[in-house]
Amino acid sequence: MTRQSLGLIDRIAQRSALRRWAAAVKEAKTADLALLKTQRNQARRLRHRLDELLHVAENRLALPGIDSDAIAAPHDSDWSWRPGLWSGPLPEPGAASVETGARLGDEVTLFHDCQVSELTLRQLRNTRAADLSPFGMRMDVFRFDGSYLSLAVDLPPAAVEGLTRRHLVRVECIVELESPIEIFARLNVKSGPNTEKLVRELPLKSQERYVEFDLAYSRLNEKRIEKAWLDLIFEGPQMNQVVLRDLTFSRRLRAEI
């Protein structure tokens, strides 16, 4: 049987099913109760399958495309990357009363010292045409009795492969805040027994959406680099909602003078 004939049979079956359900709706107020009970159970099973289809279809058809690798990195970058939390769907999209050390995806970990956690994390689907990242992350903070709150993002091995003190590491972040707070980015690079730490404040009030770390100002041992990670540190986060629409990393060599 050809694909064309299969398509025709499918269309006929769909029209027949629609007519049958339309007639069931029309007759529901006067239908026999046993029949109505059977139709209700059938409708529930059908609705469950339709909801599953709609969920998958809306995710796939919404902009931007899932697993998009579009990153607004400088043209001379020798490496760029977007963590999985912002590039693809997670098996567990969120959690409430999040404890310290909780992970969201493979690379992102939440740290805090609250006695009672009133924090929620959730992955969001970005649907604006202006968004390059398919997903974002929302953090809701209610009462906060701790002294620190941070998100640690583990960078992949490629981030430190061939890394030198001539490199500039850029972190670009699109942030939406319910109330103004300060957010600091701290780049950590472990080389041998030492860990170099460089700190920058995210420019939330300017048009620039990125910070750059100049490794020339570090005491980095280029021959012993093991790994790197970024801490996003939130100052005074209580009673606030923070949405990270995108988070990307890139690096490039500083121009010779």
Protein backbone atom coordinates (compact mmCIF):
# COMPACT_ATOMS: atom_id res chain seq x y z
CA MET A 1 0.00 0.00 0.00
CA THR A 2 1.39 3.43 -0.95
CA ARG A 3 2.07 6.33 1.39
CA GLN A 4 -0.60 8.34 -0.46
CA SER A 5 -3.28 5.70 0.23
CA LEU A 6 -2.20 5.45 3.90
CA GLY A 7 -2.56 9.21 4.20
CA LEU A 8 -6.03 9.08 2.68
CA ILE A 9 -7.10 6.30 5.07
CA ASP A 10 -5.75 8.30 8.03
CA ARG A 11 -7.72 11.40 6.98
CA ILE A 12 -10.92 9.40 6.59
CA ALA A 13 -10.42 7.78 10.02
CA GLN A 14 -9.77 11.16 11.64
CA ARG A 15 -12.91 12.70 10.12
CA SER A 16 -14.93 9.70 11.26
CA ALA A 17 -13.56 9.98 14.82
CA LEU A 18 -14.32 13.71 14.94
CA ARG A 19 -17.89 13.11 13.78
CA ARG A 20 -18.34 10.37 16.40
CA TRP A 21 -17.10 12.58 19.26
CA ALA A 22 -19.14 15.54 18.03
CA ALA A 23 -22.26 13.34 18.11
CA ALA A 24 -21.34 12.08 21.61
CA VAL A 25 -21.05 15.67 22.87
CA LYS A 26 -24.41 16.57 21.35
CA GLU A 27 -26.14 13.56 22.94
CA ALA A 28 -24.32 13.62 26.31
CA LYS A 29 -27.17 15.32 28.24
CA THR A 30 -29.64 12.57 27.37
CA ALA A 31 -27.36 9.54 26.87
CA ASP A 32 -27.73 6.33 28.86
CA LEU A 33 -25.54 6.58 32.00
CA ALA A 34 -23.68 3.34 31.31
CA LEU A 35 -22.82 4.57 27.80
CA LEU A 36 -21.87 8.00 29.18
CA LYS A 37 -19.51 6.37 31.71
CA THR A 38 -17.80 4.40 28.95
CA GLN A 39 -17.45 7.51 26.80
CA ARG A 40 -16.05 9.46 29.74
CA ASN A 41 -13.32 6.85 30.29
CA GLN A 42 -12.49 6.79 26.59
CA ALA A 43 -12.36 10.59 26.49
CA ARG A 44 -9.98 10.71 29.47
CA ARG A 45 -7.58 8.26 27.85
CA LEU A 46 -7.77 10.17 24.58
CA ARG A 47 -7.20 13.52 26.34
CA HIS A 48 -4.10 12.14 28.08
CA ARG A 49 -2.58 11.13 24.74
CA LEU A 50 -3.54 14.42 23.10
CA ASP A 51 -1.98 16.39 25.98
CA GLU A 52 1.25 14.41 25.55
CA LEU A 53 1.27 15.15 21.83
CA LEU A 54 0.58 18.86 22.39
CA HIS A 55 3.37 19.10 24.97
CA VAL A 56 5.94 17.61 22.60
CA ALA A 57 4.66 19.53 19.56
CA GLU A 58 4.66 22.91 21.31
CA ASN A 59 8.21 22.37 22.58
CA ARG A 60 9.49 21.35 19.15
CA LEU A 61 7.66 24.02 17.18
CA ALA A 62 8.36 26.95 19.52
CA LEU A 63 11.25 29.31 18.82
CA PRO A 64 14.18 28.96 19.17
CA GLY A 65 14.97 25.38 18.17
CA ILE A 66 15.93 22.92 20.89
CA ASP A 67 19.68 22.17 21.01
CA SER A 68 20.38 25.41 19.17
CA ASP A 69 24.11 26.17 19.16
CA ALA A 70 23.73 29.81 18.12
CA ILE A 71 25.94 31.91 20.42
CA ALA A 72 26.70 35.62 20.09
CA ALA A 73 30.44 35.16 20.69
CA PRO A 74 33.21 37.43 19.32
CA HIS A 75 34.23 36.40 15.81
CA ASP A 76 37.80 35.57 16.89
CA SER A 77 36.76 33.21 19.68
CA ASP A 78 38.56 29.85 19.76
CA TRP A 79 35.91 28.23 21.98
CA SER A 80 32.28 28.89 22.90
CA TRP A 81 29.69 26.97 24.85
CA ARG A 82 26.18 27.06 26.34
CA PRO A 83 25.42 24.79 29.35
CA GLY A 84 22.83 22.06 28.89
CA LEU A 85 20.33 23.76 31.19
CA TRP A 86 19.91 26.51 28.58
CA SER A 87 20.18 24.35 25.45
CA GLY A 88 18.00 21.27 25.98
CA PRO A 89 15.12 19.91 28.08
CA LEU A 90 15.95 18.40 31.47
CA PRO A 91 14.43 15.12 32.72
CA GLU A 92 13.46 16.93 35.94
CA PRO A 93 12.62 20.54 35.00
CA GLY A 94 12.53 21.95 38.53
CA ALA A 95 12.33 21.57 42.28
CA ALA A 96 10.94 23.36 45.35
CA SER A 97 12.52 23.85 48.79
CA VAL A 98 15.85 23.29 47.07
CA GLU A 99 18.61 22.12 49.39
CA THR A 100 22.23 23.21 49.03
CA GLY A 101 24.17 21.05 46.60
CA ALA A 102 21.10 20.34 44.46
CA ARG A 103 21.88 19.95 40.76
CA LEU A 104 19.86 21.17 37.81
CA GLY A 105 21.22 19.32 34.82
CA ASP A 106 24.77 18.04 34.50
CA GLU A 107 26.64 21.30 35.01
CA VAL A 108 24.65 23.58 37.37
CA THR A 109 24.62 23.28 41.19
CA LEU A 110 22.89 25.52 43.73
CA PHE A 111 24.67 26.44 46.97
CA HIS A 112 23.31 28.29 50.02
CA ASP A 113 23.46 28.17 53.81
CA CYS A 114 19.75 28.61 54.63
CA GLN A 115 18.38 26.81 57.67
CA VAL A 116 15.00 26.56 55.96
CA SER A 117 14.99 26.59 52.17
CA GLU A 118 12.32 28.71 50.52
CA LEU A 119 13.93 28.50 47.08
CA THR A 120 12.51 27.08 43.87
CA LEU A 121 14.31 26.40 40.59
CA ARG A 122 12.63 25.70 37.28
CA GLN A 123 13.65 25.38 33.66
CA LEU A 124 11.60 27.58 31.32
CA ARG A 125 10.98 27.34 27.60
CA ASN A 126 12.10 30.48 25.78
CA THR A 127 9.68 31.35 22.98
CA ARG A 128 10.65 34.92 22.04
CA ALA A 129 12.10 35.31 18.56
CA ALA A 130 14.92 37.39 20.09
CA ASP A 131 16.09 34.50 22.29
CA LEU A 132 19.02 32.46 20.99
CA SER A 133 18.78 29.92 23.80
CA PRO A 134 15.90 27.41 23.72
CA PHE A 135 15.54 27.37 27.50
CA GLY A 136 15.96 29.64 30.51
CA MET A 137 16.04 29.17 34.26
CA ARG A 138 13.80 30.79 36.88
CA MET A 139 14.76 31.04 40.52
CA ASP A 140 12.16 32.18 43.06
CA VAL A 141 13.48 33.25 46.45
CA PHE A 142 11.04 33.90 49.29
CA ARG A 143 12.25 34.25 52.89
CA PHE A 144 16.04 33.92 52.94
CA ASP A 145 17.81 33.35 56.27
CA GLY A 146 21.25 32.52 54.83
CA SER A 147 24.37 34.57 54.18
CA TYR A 148 25.09 33.45 50.59
CA LEU A 149 23.37 32.10 47.49
CA SER A 150 25.20 31.02 44.35
CA LEU A 151 24.92 28.92 41.21
CA ALA A 152 28.05 27.00 40.25
CA VAL A 153 28.46 26.13 36.57
CA ASP A 154 31.06 23.48 35.73
CA LEU A 155 32.89 24.27 32.49
CA PRO A 156 33.70 21.36 30.13
CA PRO A 157 37.28 20.14 29.56
CA ALA A 158 37.40 22.03 26.24
CA ALA A 159 37.23 25.31 28.19
CA VAL A 160 40.72 24.79 29.66
CA GLU A 161 42.29 22.91 26.79
CA GLY A 162 45.11 25.16 25.57
CA LEU A 163 44.10 27.93 28.00
CA THR A 164 46.82 30.54 28.58
CA ARG A 165 47.28 33.84 30.38
CA ARG A 166 46.82 35.54 27.00
CA HIS A 167 43.16 34.52 26.96
CA LEU A 168 40.12 36.64 27.67
CA VAL A 169 37.18 34.59 28.97
CA ARG A 170 33.76 36.10 28.29
CA VAL A 171 30.55 35.29 30.15
CA GLU A 172 27.36 36.59 28.57
CA CYS A 173 24.14 36.49 30.56
CA ILE A 174 20.59 37.69 29.91
CA VAL A 175 18.95 38.37 33.28
CA GLU A 176 15.44 39.48 34.25
CA LEU A 177 14.86 40.63 37.84
CA GLU A 178 11.66 41.24 39.75
CA SER A 179 13.58 43.63 42.06
CA PRO A 180 17.09 45.07 41.55
CA ILE A 181 19.94 43.14 43.16
CA GLU A 182 23.67 42.77 42.58
CA ILE A 183 24.96 39.64 40.84
CA PHE A 184 28.67 38.81 40.74
CA ALA A 185 30.43 36.36 38.41
CA ARG A 186 33.51 34.61 39.80
CA LEU A 187 35.68 32.59 37.44
CA ASN A 188 37.64 29.83 39.14
CA VAL A 189 40.53 28.06 37.40
CA LYS A 190 42.30 25.26 39.25
CA SER A 191 45.97 24.79 38.35
CA GLY A 192 47.90 22.40 40.56
CA PRO A 193 47.22 23.04 44.26
CA ASN A 194 46.04 26.60 43.61
CA THR A 195 42.76 28.02 42.34
CA GLU A 196 42.77 31.41 40.65
CA LYS A 197 39.63 33.46 41.33
CA LEU A 198 38.63 36.48 39.25
CA VAL A 199 35.48 38.43 40.15
CA ARG A 200 33.35 40.81 38.06
CA GLU A 201 29.94 42.36 38.70
CA LEU A 202 27.35 41.71 36.00
CA PRO A 203 26.41 45.03 34.31
CA LEU A 204 22.66 44.67 34.79
CA LYS A 205 21.95 48.39 34.33
CA SER A 206 23.86 48.86 31.06
CA GLN A 207 23.41 47.70 27.47
CA GLU A 208 26.37 45.33 27.83
CA ARG A 209 25.26 41.88 28.84
CA TYR A 210 28.67 40.35 29.44
CA VAL A 211 31.78 40.42 31.59
CA GLU A 212 35.30 39.48 30.54
CA PHE A 213 38.04 37.96 32.64
CA ASP A 214 41.59 38.86 31.57
CA LEU A 215 43.82 35.98 32.64
CA ALA A 216 46.91 38.19 32.31
CA TYR A 217 45.99 39.52 35.78
CA SER A 218 46.07 36.03 37.27
CA ARG A 219 48.93 33.86 38.50
CA LEU A 220 47.72 30.98 36.40
CA ASN A 221 50.12 28.06 35.97
CA GLU A 222 49.42 27.23 32.34
CA LYS A 223 51.11 23.83 32.52
CA ARG A 224 48.99 22.53 35.40
CA ILE A 225 45.46 23.66 34.56
CA GLU A 226 42.94 21.00 35.62
CA LYS A 227 39.44 22.49 35.45
CA ALA A 228 37.36 25.67 35.63
CA TRP A 229 33.96 26.70 36.89
CA LEU A 230 31.89 29.85 37.29
CA ASP A 231 30.03 31.00 40.39
CA LEU A 232 27.08 33.36 39.98
CA ILE A 233 26.67 35.03 43.38
CA PHE A 234 23.38 36.73 44.27
CA GLU A 235 23.46 39.51 46.89
CA GLY A 236 20.31 40.07 48.97
CA PRO A 237 18.11 37.71 46.94
CA GLN A 238 15.13 37.50 49.33
CA MET A 239 11.59 38.07 48.00
CA ASN A 240 12.73 38.10 44.41
CA GLN A 241 12.41 36.27 41.13
CA VAL A 242 15.48 35.90 38.93
CA VAL A 243 15.18 34.63 35.36
CA LEU A 244 18.37 33.71 33.51
CA ARG A 245 17.23 33.67 29.90
CA ASP A 246 20.64 32.67 28.59
CA LEU A 247 24.17 31.95 29.79
CA THR A 248 27.06 31.47 27.37
CA PHE A 249 30.84 31.29 27.57
CA SER A 250 33.56 32.01 25.06
CA ARG A 251 37.27 32.74 25.01
CA ARG A 252 39.68 34.50 22.69
CA LEU A 253 43.33 35.48 22.62
CA ARG A 254 44.21 39.04 23.55
CA ALA A 255 45.63 41.01 20.61
CA GLU A 256 49.40 41.36 20.61
CA ILE A 257 50.67 44.88 21.23
